[in-house]
Amino acid sequence: MDKKNIEGKLDKATGKIKEIGGVATDNRDLEAEGKVDQIKGKVKEGLGNIRERVKDKLDELDEDKKEQP
């Protein structure tokens, strides 16, 4: 798992807590901040997934290169 995936999951969880807290206290600013954090988390997770795929592909290409005579 990439560092960005972990950061993304943390941002999503933090955002959800803020959103729920904002709804519970009728604080629309906190609710909106929580939603923004969740979106930011999803973006970070997506970037982490892309980075993982690129690393995997580079490793695969490196292995293929080593196998060729």
C-alpha atoms as a PDB file:
ATOM      1  CA  MET A   1       0.000   0.000   0.000  1.00  0.00           C
ATOM      2  CA  ASP A   2       1.340   3.391  -0.995  1.00  0.00           C
ATOM      3  CA  LYS A   3       1.797   6.257   1.473  1.00  0.00           C
ATOM      4  CA  LYS A   4      -0.833   8.268  -0.411  1.00  0.00           C
ATOM      5  CA  ASN A   5      -3.373   5.478   0.082  1.00  0.00           C
ATOM      6  CA  ILE A   6      -2.846   5.629   3.833  1.00  0.00           C
ATOM      7  CA  GLU A   7      -3.045   9.430   3.879  1.00  0.00           C
ATOM      8  CA  GLY A   8      -6.208   9.248   1.787  1.00  0.00           C
ATOM      9  CA  LYS A   9      -7.890   6.774   4.122  1.00  0.00           C
ATOM     10  CA  LEU A  10      -6.961   8.952   7.105  1.00  0.00           C
ATOM     11  CA  ASP A  11      -8.341  12.079   5.411  1.00  0.00           C
ATOM     12  CA  LYS A  12     -11.563  10.272   4.529  1.00  0.00           C
ATOM     13  CA  ALA A  13     -12.026   9.056   8.108  1.00  0.00           C
ATOM     14  CA  THR A  14     -11.229  12.468   9.571  1.00  0.00           C
ATOM     15  CA  GLY A  15     -13.594  14.102   7.105  1.00  0.00           C
ATOM     16  CA  LYS A  16     -16.414  11.737   7.992  1.00  0.00           C
ATOM     17  CA  ILE A  17     -15.949  12.503  11.698  1.00  0.00           C
ATOM     18  CA  LYS A  18     -15.987  16.250  10.991  1.00  0.00           C
ATOM     19  CA  GLU A  19     -19.072  15.909   8.808  1.00  0.00           C
ATOM     20  CA  ILE A  20     -20.958  13.938  11.469  1.00  0.00           C
ATOM     21  CA  GLY A  21     -19.842  16.408  14.139  1.00  0.00           C
ATOM     22  CA  GLY A  22     -21.030  19.297  11.983  1.00  0.00           C
ATOM     23  CA  VAL A  23     -24.431  17.693  11.433  1.00  0.00           C
ATOM     24  CA  ALA A  24     -24.791  16.863  15.142  1.00  0.00           C
ATOM     25  CA  THR A  25     -23.920  20.399  16.254  1.00  0.00           C
ATOM     26  CA  ASP A  26     -25.658  22.127  13.340  1.00  0.00           C
ATOM     27  CA  ASN A  27     -22.301  23.579  12.284  1.00  0.00           C
ATOM     28  CA  ARG A  28     -22.436  23.814   8.506  1.00  0.00           C
ATOM     29  CA  ASP A  29     -18.829  25.017   8.218  1.00  0.00           C
ATOM     30  CA  LEU A  30     -17.531  21.917  10.023  1.00  0.00           C
ATOM     31  CA  GLU A  31     -19.828  19.712   7.946  1.00  0.00           C
ATOM     32  CA  ALA A  32     -18.527  21.277   4.717  1.00  0.00           C
ATOM     33  CA  GLU A  33     -14.930  20.969   5.891  1.00  0.00           C
ATOM     34  CA  GLY A  34     -15.540  17.298   6.539  1.00  0.00           C
ATOM     35  CA  LYS A  35     -16.924  16.775   3.042  1.00  0.00           C
ATOM     36  CA  VAL A  36     -13.903  18.545   1.533  1.00  0.00           C
ATOM     37  CA  ASP A  37     -11.563  16.341   3.575  1.00  0.00           C
ATOM     38  CA  GLN A  38     -13.362  13.247   2.310  1.00  0.00           C
ATOM     39  CA  ILE A  39     -12.968  14.364  -1.297  1.00  0.00           C
ATOM     40  CA  LYS A  40      -9.307  15.155  -0.666  1.00  0.00           C
ATOM     41  CA  GLY A  41      -8.919  11.667   0.764  1.00  0.00           C
ATOM     42  CA  LYS A  42     -10.479  10.064  -2.286  1.00  0.00           C
ATOM     43  CA  VAL A  43      -8.113  12.002  -4.552  1.00  0.00           C
ATOM     44  CA  LYS A  44      -5.083  10.942  -2.499  1.00  0.00           C
ATOM     45  CA  GLU A  45      -6.218   7.330  -2.606  1.00  0.00           C
ATOM     46  CA  GLY A  46      -6.588   7.552  -6.370  1.00  0.00           C
ATOM     47  CA  LEU A  47      -3.103   9.010  -6.706  1.00  0.00           C
ATOM     48  CA  GLY A  48      -1.758   6.277  -4.468  1.00  0.00           C
ATOM     49  CA  ASN A  49      -3.392   3.630  -6.646  1.00  0.00           C
ATOM     50  CA  ILE A  50      -1.872   5.166  -9.766  1.00  0.00           C
ATOM     51  CA  ARG A  51       1.563   5.271  -8.143  1.00  0.00           C
ATOM     52  CA  GLU A  52       1.240   1.618  -7.124  1.00  0.00           C
ATOM     53  CA  ARG A  53       0.276   0.582 -10.649  1.00  0.00           C
ATOM     54  CA  VAL A  54       3.183   2.522 -12.151  1.00  0.00           C
ATOM     55  CA  LYS A  55       5.632   0.947  -9.682  1.00  0.00           C
ATOM     56  CA  ASP A  56       4.226  -2.516 -10.408  1.00  0.00           C
ATOM     57  CA  LYS A  57       4.517  -1.964 -14.149  1.00  0.00           C
ATOM     58  CA  LEU A  58       8.086  -0.698 -13.829  1.00  0.00           C
ATOM     59  CA  ASP A  59       8.993  -3.734 -11.714  1.00  0.00           C
ATOM     60  CA  GLU A  60       7.361  -5.993 -14.297  1.00  0.00           C
ATOM     61  CA  LEU A  61       9.312  -4.351 -17.120  1.00  0.00           C
ATOM     62  CA  ASP A  62      12.524  -4.632 -15.123  1.00  0.00           C
ATOM     63  CA  GLU A  63      11.914  -8.355 -14.559  1.00  0.00           C
ATOM     64  CA  ASP A  64      11.177  -8.867 -18.261  1.00  0.00           C
ATOM     65  CA  LYS A  65      14.406  -7.070 -19.140  1.00  0.00           C
ATOM     66  CA  LYS A  66      16.419  -9.321 -16.806  1.00  0.00           C
ATOM     67  CA  GLU A  67      14.885 -12.473 -18.344  1.00  0.00           C
ATOM     68  CA  GLN A  68      15.864 -11.547 -21.886  1.00  0.00           C
ATOM     69  CA  PRO A  69      19.245 -12.951 -23.027  1.00  0.00           C
END
